[in-house]
Amino acid sequence: FTYTVQDPSGATDTATVNLNVLILNDAPIVDLDVSGAGSGFTTSYTENAAAVAIVDTDASITDEDHATAESATVTLTNGQVGDLLEVGALPAGLSAIVSPAAALTSPGAMTVTITGTAALADYETAFQALTYRSTSENPETINRLIEFVVSDGEDPSIVATTTVSVISVNDAPVAADDGTPTAIAVTEDVPVTFDPVSSNDVDVEGDAL
């Protein structure tokens, strides 16, 4: 653009300013529940129930200057024993690795890494294919936090988080027969006192019997 300067006597001069506009990349934006407040999603899982989706059906990924994404990382940050993230069918061109691949045997993180150059809508579909469940018969009931990050190949998105509340269900105790295969010996006319609840009778929650 140009500008003009003038002195008190009315003399003027014009100069030109050249601007070099640098284009900066806009990172993707992830919203796990467009119809809800913020960018997160909330759901619940009940012990022994089917796995639950970890994004809402209207989950969205947008990017001002990219029509595709290159990768996504989904991390269960505070997994507990028995926790498991699973991946269903993915759109063509995308692949996923779950680490560790089996249910957690100790508290820790579990990560799903999705890779492949694909449309943002395909990554949305991939998120819909992810589920959470627990294989534990006595799952910890602290809320699980699952973080989502999408990369356009240049910059990662801001983290969006799903919160899963876990509901534990009481399991009935299991009683085992006593005197099998070896019968308990008793003598005629002699009183016998014994406690039928023994170490072979169990309760998975550890409740007293």
C-alpha atoms as a PDB file:
ATOM      1  CA  PHE A   1       0.000   0.000   0.000  1.00  0.00           C
ATOM      2  CA  THR A   2       1.044   3.652  -0.367  1.00  0.00           C
ATOM      3  CA  TYR A   3       1.010   6.590   1.987  1.00  0.00           C
ATOM      4  CA  THR A   4       1.581  10.333   1.547  1.00  0.00           C
ATOM      5  CA  VAL A   5       3.392  12.764   3.826  1.00  0.00           C
ATOM      6  CA  GLN A   6       2.928  16.529   3.794  1.00  0.00           C
ATOM      7  CA  ASP A   7       4.908  19.350   5.430  1.00  0.00           C
ATOM      8  CA  PRO A   8       3.477  22.693   6.719  1.00  0.00           C
ATOM      9  CA  SER A   9       4.131  24.374   3.387  1.00  0.00           C
ATOM     10  CA  GLY A  10       2.012  21.867   1.530  1.00  0.00           C
ATOM     11  CA  ALA A  11       4.769  19.880  -0.156  1.00  0.00           C
ATOM     12  CA  THR A  12       4.001  16.175  -0.351  1.00  0.00           C
ATOM     13  CA  ASP A  13       5.660  12.911  -1.163  1.00  0.00           C
ATOM     14  CA  THR A  14       4.320   9.394  -1.576  1.00  0.00           C
ATOM     15  CA  ALA A  15       5.957   6.119  -0.604  1.00  0.00           C
ATOM     16  CA  THR A  16       5.038   2.470  -0.888  1.00  0.00           C
ATOM     17  CA  VAL A  17       5.003  -0.190   1.825  1.00  0.00           C
ATOM     18  CA  ASN A  18       5.366  -3.809   0.713  1.00  0.00           C
ATOM     19  CA  LEU A  19       3.981  -6.499   3.021  1.00  0.00           C
ATOM     20  CA  ASN A  20       4.924 -10.146   2.858  1.00  0.00           C
ATOM     21  CA  VAL A  21       1.999 -12.118   4.281  1.00  0.00           C
ATOM     22  CA  LEU A  22       3.028 -15.399   5.857  1.00  0.00           C
ATOM     23  CA  ILE A  23       0.396 -18.138   5.826  1.00  0.00           C
ATOM     24  CA  LEU A  24       0.300 -20.105   9.079  1.00  0.00           C
ATOM     25  CA  ASN A  25      -1.201 -23.550   9.387  1.00  0.00           C
ATOM     26  CA  ASP A  26      -4.478 -23.868  11.290  1.00  0.00           C
ATOM     27  CA  ALA A  27      -4.560 -26.986  13.472  1.00  0.00           C
ATOM     28  CA  PRO A  28      -7.541 -29.348  13.280  1.00  0.00           C
ATOM     29  CA  ILE A  29     -10.391 -28.865  15.739  1.00  0.00           C
ATOM     30  CA  VAL A  30     -11.928 -31.933  17.395  1.00  0.00           C
ATOM     31  CA  ASP A  31     -15.393 -31.898  18.961  1.00  0.00           C
ATOM     32  CA  LEU A  32     -16.485 -35.245  20.385  1.00  0.00           C
ATOM     33  CA  ASP A  33     -20.081 -34.119  20.945  1.00  0.00           C
ATOM     34  CA  VAL A  34     -21.179 -31.214  18.764  1.00  0.00           C
ATOM     35  CA  SER A  35     -24.597 -31.037  20.433  1.00  0.00           C
ATOM     36  CA  GLY A  36     -23.067 -30.771  23.918  1.00  0.00           C
ATOM     37  CA  ALA A  37     -21.159 -28.025  25.689  1.00  0.00           C
ATOM     38  CA  GLY A  38     -17.425 -27.791  25.072  1.00  0.00           C
ATOM     39  CA  SER A  39     -15.483 -30.294  22.978  1.00  0.00           C
ATOM     40  CA  GLY A  40     -15.724 -33.340  25.268  1.00  0.00           C
ATOM     41  CA  PHE A  41     -18.075 -36.296  25.576  1.00  0.00           C
ATOM     42  CA  THR A  42     -19.472 -38.110  28.618  1.00  0.00           C
ATOM     43  CA  THR A  43     -20.724 -41.681  28.780  1.00  0.00           C
ATOM     44  CA  SER A  44     -20.952 -44.599  31.219  1.00  0.00           C
ATOM     45  CA  TYR A  45     -20.053 -48.270  31.262  1.00  0.00           C
ATOM     46  CA  THR A  46     -21.608 -50.953  33.486  1.00  0.00           C
ATOM     47  CA  GLU A  47     -19.640 -54.026  34.542  1.00  0.00           C
ATOM     48  CA  ASN A  48     -20.174 -57.047  32.238  1.00  0.00           C
ATOM     49  CA  ALA A  49     -22.146 -54.928  29.733  1.00  0.00           C
ATOM     50  CA  ALA A  50     -21.333 -54.554  26.057  1.00  0.00           C
ATOM     51  CA  ALA A  51     -18.579 -52.133  25.092  1.00  0.00           C
ATOM     52  CA  VAL A  52     -19.629 -48.478  24.770  1.00  0.00           C
ATOM     53  CA  ALA A  53     -18.801 -45.899  22.099  1.00  0.00           C
ATOM     54  CA  ILE A  54     -16.390 -43.216  23.296  1.00  0.00           C
ATOM     55  CA  VAL A  55     -17.569 -40.381  21.023  1.00  0.00           C
ATOM     56  CA  ASP A  56     -21.069 -39.123  20.283  1.00  0.00           C
ATOM     57  CA  THR A  57     -22.758 -39.830  16.961  1.00  0.00           C
ATOM     58  CA  ASP A  58     -22.224 -36.201  15.925  1.00  0.00           C
ATOM     59  CA  ALA A  59     -18.472 -36.093  16.633  1.00  0.00           C
ATOM     60  CA  SER A  60     -16.733 -33.656  14.301  1.00  0.00           C
ATOM     61  CA  ILE A  61     -13.241 -32.870  12.986  1.00  0.00           C
ATOM     62  CA  THR A  62     -12.742 -29.580  11.131  1.00  0.00           C
ATOM     63  CA  ASP A  63      -9.685 -27.873   9.647  1.00  0.00           C
ATOM     64  CA  GLU A  64      -9.604 -24.436   8.011  1.00  0.00           C
ATOM     65  CA  ASP A  65      -6.867 -25.291   5.521  1.00  0.00           C
ATOM     66  CA  HIS A  66      -6.782 -29.080   5.202  1.00  0.00           C
ATOM     67  CA  ALA A  67      -9.402 -31.450   3.817  1.00  0.00           C
ATOM     68  CA  THR A  68      -7.485 -34.461   5.146  1.00  0.00           C
ATOM     69  CA  ALA A  69      -5.801 -35.650   8.308  1.00  0.00           C
ATOM     70  CA  GLU A  70      -2.635 -37.717   8.626  1.00  0.00           C
ATOM     71  CA  SER A  71      -2.993 -39.366  12.031  1.00  0.00           C
ATOM     72  CA  ALA A  72      -4.870 -39.467  15.316  1.00  0.00           C
ATOM     73  CA  THR A  73      -3.975 -40.604  18.808  1.00  0.00           C
ATOM     74  CA  VAL A  74      -6.558 -41.781  21.341  1.00  0.00           C
ATOM     75  CA  THR A  75      -5.210 -42.352  24.853  1.00  0.00           C
ATOM     76  CA  LEU A  76      -6.879 -43.848  27.906  1.00  0.00           C
ATOM     77  CA  THR A  77      -4.757 -41.894  30.367  1.00  0.00           C
ATOM     78  CA  ASN A  78      -5.737 -43.570  33.646  1.00  0.00           C
ATOM     79  CA  GLY A  79      -6.637 -47.129  32.698  1.00  0.00           C
ATOM     80  CA  GLN A  80      -7.331 -49.693  35.391  1.00  0.00           C
ATOM     81  CA  VAL A  81      -6.967 -53.471  35.542  1.00  0.00           C
ATOM     82  CA  GLY A  82      -9.228 -55.059  32.914  1.00  0.00           C
ATOM     83  CA  ASP A  83      -9.692 -51.900  30.829  1.00  0.00           C
ATOM     84  CA  LEU A  84      -9.696 -52.331  27.075  1.00  0.00           C
ATOM     85  CA  LEU A  85      -9.993 -50.012  24.053  1.00  0.00           C
ATOM     86  CA  GLU A  86     -11.110 -51.811  20.913  1.00  0.00           C
ATOM     87  CA  VAL A  87     -11.243 -50.823  17.238  1.00  0.00           C
ATOM     88  CA  GLY A  88     -14.020 -51.845  14.859  1.00  0.00           C
ATOM     89  CA  ALA A  89     -14.066 -51.604  11.071  1.00  0.00           C
ATOM     90  CA  LEU A  90     -12.126 -48.609   9.729  1.00  0.00           C
ATOM     91  CA  PRO A  91     -12.533 -46.714   6.451  1.00  0.00           C
ATOM     92  CA  ALA A  92     -10.241 -47.759   3.613  1.00  0.00           C
ATOM     93  CA  GLY A  93      -6.785 -46.260   3.890  1.00  0.00           C
ATOM     94  CA  LEU A  94      -6.740 -46.114   7.684  1.00  0.00           C
ATOM     95  CA  SER A  95      -5.062 -48.531  10.070  1.00  0.00           C
ATOM     96  CA  ALA A  96      -4.910 -48.678  13.859  1.00  0.00           C
ATOM     97  CA  ILE A  97      -2.548 -50.083  16.472  1.00  0.00           C
ATOM     98  CA  VAL A  98      -3.688 -50.582  20.080  1.00  0.00           C
ATOM     99  CA  SER A  99      -0.955 -50.613  22.711  1.00  0.00           C
ATOM    100  CA  PRO A 100      -1.028 -52.689  24.800  1.00  0.00           C
ATOM    101  CA  ALA A 101      -3.111 -54.979  22.609  1.00  0.00           C
ATOM    102  CA  ALA A 102      -4.843 -56.841  25.455  1.00  0.00           C
ATOM    103  CA  ALA A 103      -6.755 -55.715  28.529  1.00  0.00           C
ATOM    104  CA  LEU A 104      -4.607 -53.955  31.108  1.00  0.00           C
ATOM    105  CA  THR A 105      -3.130 -56.183  33.801  1.00  0.00           C
ATOM    106  CA  SER A 106      -2.055 -53.207  35.905  1.00  0.00           C
ATOM    107  CA  PRO A 107      -3.079 -49.549  36.049  1.00  0.00           C
ATOM    108  CA  GLY A 108      -1.635 -47.450  33.234  1.00  0.00           C
ATOM    109  CA  ALA A 109      -2.233 -45.913  29.823  1.00  0.00           C
ATOM    110  CA  MET A 110      -3.625 -47.559  26.691  1.00  0.00           C
ATOM    111  CA  THR A 111      -3.189 -45.895  23.302  1.00  0.00           C
ATOM    112  CA  VAL A 112      -4.842 -46.285  19.907  1.00  0.00           C
ATOM    113  CA  THR A 113      -2.777 -44.822  17.064  1.00  0.00           C
ATOM    114  CA  ILE A 114      -4.635 -44.301  13.782  1.00  0.00           C
ATOM    115  CA  THR A 115      -2.616 -43.517  10.651  1.00  0.00           C
ATOM    116  CA  GLY A 116      -3.257 -42.854   6.973  1.00  0.00           C
ATOM    117  CA  THR A 117      -3.963 -39.847   4.771  1.00  0.00           C
ATOM    118  CA  ALA A 118      -7.748 -39.683   4.657  1.00  0.00           C
ATOM    119  CA  ALA A 119     -10.653 -37.247   4.600  1.00  0.00           C
ATOM    120  CA  LEU A 120     -11.647 -35.675   7.900  1.00  0.00           C
ATOM    121  CA  ALA A 121     -14.974 -37.499   7.608  1.00  0.00           C
ATOM    122  CA  ASP A 122     -13.094 -40.810   7.489  1.00  0.00           C
ATOM    123  CA  TYR A 123     -11.348 -39.972  10.740  1.00  0.00           C
ATOM    124  CA  GLU A 124     -14.741 -39.110  12.241  1.00  0.00           C
ATOM    125  CA  THR A 125     -15.928 -42.581  11.165  1.00  0.00           C
ATOM    126  CA  ALA A 126     -12.821 -44.128  12.698  1.00  0.00           C
ATOM    127  CA  PHE A 127     -13.599 -42.455  16.030  1.00  0.00           C
ATOM    128  CA  GLN A 128     -17.100 -43.940  15.857  1.00  0.00           C
ATOM    129  CA  ALA A 129     -15.494 -47.394  15.592  1.00  0.00           C
ATOM    130  CA  LEU A 130     -13.677 -47.073  18.940  1.00  0.00           C
ATOM    131  CA  THR A 131     -15.150 -48.583  22.112  1.00  0.00           C
ATOM    132  CA  TYR A 132     -14.329 -49.015  25.794  1.00  0.00           C
ATOM    133  CA  ARG A 133     -15.084 -51.916  28.106  1.00  0.00           C
ATOM    134  CA  SER A 134     -13.641 -53.649  31.155  1.00  0.00           C
ATOM    135  CA  THR A 135     -13.030 -57.367  31.502  1.00  0.00           C
ATOM    136  CA  SER A 136     -12.752 -57.079  35.288  1.00  0.00           C
ATOM    137  CA  GLU A 137     -15.340 -58.622  37.598  1.00  0.00           C
ATOM    138  CA  ASN A 138     -14.518 -55.920  40.117  1.00  0.00           C
ATOM    139  CA  PRO A 139     -13.620 -52.797  38.125  1.00  0.00           C
ATOM    140  CA  GLU A 140     -12.376 -49.644  39.785  1.00  0.00           C
ATOM    141  CA  THR A 141     -15.110 -47.001  39.646  1.00  0.00           C
ATOM    142  CA  ILE A 142     -12.971 -43.913  39.087  1.00  0.00           C
ATOM    143  CA  ASN A 143     -13.880 -42.001  35.930  1.00  0.00           C
ATOM    144  CA  ARG A 144     -11.774 -43.003  32.934  1.00  0.00           C
ATOM    145  CA  LEU A 145     -10.321 -40.154  30.855  1.00  0.00           C
ATOM    146  CA  ILE A 146      -9.749 -40.739  27.125  1.00  0.00           C
ATOM    147  CA  GLU A 147      -7.926 -38.031  25.171  1.00  0.00           C
ATOM    148  CA  PHE A 148      -8.231 -37.465  21.402  1.00  0.00           C
ATOM    149  CA  VAL A 149      -5.686 -35.625  19.240  1.00  0.00           C
ATOM    150  CA  VAL A 150      -5.771 -35.300  15.426  1.00  0.00           C
ATOM    151  CA  SER A 151      -2.848 -34.145  13.258  1.00  0.00           C
ATOM    152  CA  ASP A 152      -3.048 -32.651   9.767  1.00  0.00           C
ATOM    153  CA  GLY A 153       0.607 -33.516   9.206  1.00  0.00           C
ATOM    154  CA  GLU A 154       1.777 -30.113  10.401  1.00  0.00           C
ATOM    155  CA  ASP A 155       0.136 -29.426  13.753  1.00  0.00           C
ATOM    156  CA  PRO A 156      -1.840 -31.418  16.331  1.00  0.00           C
ATOM    157  CA  SER A 157      -5.283 -30.407  17.502  1.00  0.00           C
ATOM    158  CA  ILE A 158      -6.074 -29.278  21.012  1.00  0.00           C
ATOM    159  CA  VAL A 159      -6.934 -32.295  23.169  1.00  0.00           C
ATOM    160  CA  ALA A 160     -10.608 -33.276  23.405  1.00  0.00           C
ATOM    161  CA  THR A 161     -11.535 -35.609  26.257  1.00  0.00           C
ATOM    162  CA  THR A 162     -14.149 -38.305  26.798  1.00  0.00           C
ATOM    163  CA  THR A 163     -15.099 -39.126  30.391  1.00  0.00           C
ATOM    164  CA  VAL A 164     -16.372 -42.647  31.077  1.00  0.00           C
ATOM    165  CA  SER A 165     -18.032 -43.310  34.442  1.00  0.00           C
ATOM    166  CA  VAL A 166     -17.694 -46.974  35.411  1.00  0.00           C
ATOM    167  CA  ILE A 167     -20.443 -48.718  37.374  1.00  0.00           C
ATOM    168  CA  SER A 168     -19.467 -51.836  39.318  1.00  0.00           C
ATOM    169  CA  VAL A 169     -22.089 -54.566  39.812  1.00  0.00           C
ATOM    170  CA  ASN A 170     -22.096 -56.910  42.800  1.00  0.00           C
ATOM    171  CA  ASP A 171     -21.309 -60.505  41.850  1.00  0.00           C
ATOM    172  CA  ALA A 172     -22.841 -63.362  43.838  1.00  0.00           C
ATOM    173  CA  PRO A 173     -20.371 -65.445  45.861  1.00  0.00           C
ATOM    174  CA  VAL A 174     -19.455 -68.901  44.591  1.00  0.00           C
ATOM    175  CA  ALA A 175     -19.852 -71.831  47.005  1.00  0.00           C
ATOM    176  CA  ALA A 176     -17.932 -75.066  46.408  1.00  0.00           C
ATOM    177  CA  ASP A 177     -18.963 -78.491  47.668  1.00  0.00           C
ATOM    178  CA  ASP A 178     -17.161 -79.764  50.758  1.00  0.00           C
ATOM    179  CA  GLY A 179     -16.249 -83.419  51.232  1.00  0.00           C
ATOM    180  CA  THR A 180     -15.622 -83.926  47.524  1.00  0.00           C
ATOM    181  CA  PRO A 181     -13.845 -85.991  46.309  1.00  0.00           C
ATOM    182  CA  THR A 182     -12.726 -87.056  49.796  1.00  0.00           C
ATOM    183  CA  ALA A 183     -15.635 -87.297  52.220  1.00  0.00           C
ATOM    184  CA  ILE A 184     -15.398 -85.717  55.662  1.00  0.00           C
ATOM    185  CA  ALA A 185     -14.938 -88.518  58.183  1.00  0.00           C
ATOM    186  CA  VAL A 186     -17.395 -88.598  61.080  1.00  0.00           C
ATOM    187  CA  THR A 187     -17.932 -91.156  63.844  1.00  0.00           C
ATOM    188  CA  GLU A 188     -21.361 -92.401  64.808  1.00  0.00           C
ATOM    189  CA  ASP A 189     -22.765 -90.733  67.941  1.00  0.00           C
ATOM    190  CA  VAL A 190     -19.818 -88.288  68.082  1.00  0.00           C
ATOM    191  CA  PRO A 191     -20.744 -84.616  67.512  1.00  0.00           C
ATOM    192  CA  VAL A 192     -18.890 -82.906  64.703  1.00  0.00           C
ATOM    193  CA  THR A 193     -18.388 -79.169  64.491  1.00  0.00           C
ATOM    194  CA  PHE A 194     -17.135 -77.564  61.315  1.00  0.00           C
ATOM    195  CA  ASP A 195     -17.448 -74.336  59.391  1.00  0.00           C
ATOM    196  CA  PRO A 196     -18.881 -75.034  55.925  1.00  0.00           C
ATOM    197  CA  VAL A 197     -17.501 -71.732  54.611  1.00  0.00           C
ATOM    198  CA  SER A 198     -13.910 -72.500  53.642  1.00  0.00           C
ATOM    199  CA  SER A 199     -11.200 -71.237  51.332  1.00  0.00           C
ATOM    200  CA  ASN A 200     -12.899 -72.814  48.328  1.00  0.00           C
ATOM    201  CA  ASP A 201     -15.899 -70.491  48.762  1.00  0.00           C
ATOM    202  CA  VAL A 202     -15.085 -67.155  47.120  1.00  0.00           C
ATOM    203  CA  ASP A 203     -16.438 -63.708  46.393  1.00  0.00           C
ATOM    204  CA  VAL A 204     -14.769 -61.902  43.481  1.00  0.00           C
ATOM    205  CA  GLU A 205     -15.197 -58.514  45.166  1.00  0.00           C
ATOM    206  CA  GLY A 206     -13.443 -59.836  48.288  1.00  0.00           C
ATOM    207  CA  ASP A 207     -16.491 -59.348  50.506  1.00  0.00           C
ATOM    208  CA  ALA A 208     -16.602 -61.336  53.734  1.00  0.00           C
ATOM    209  CA  LEU A 209     -18.618 -64.573  53.626  1.00  0.00           C
END
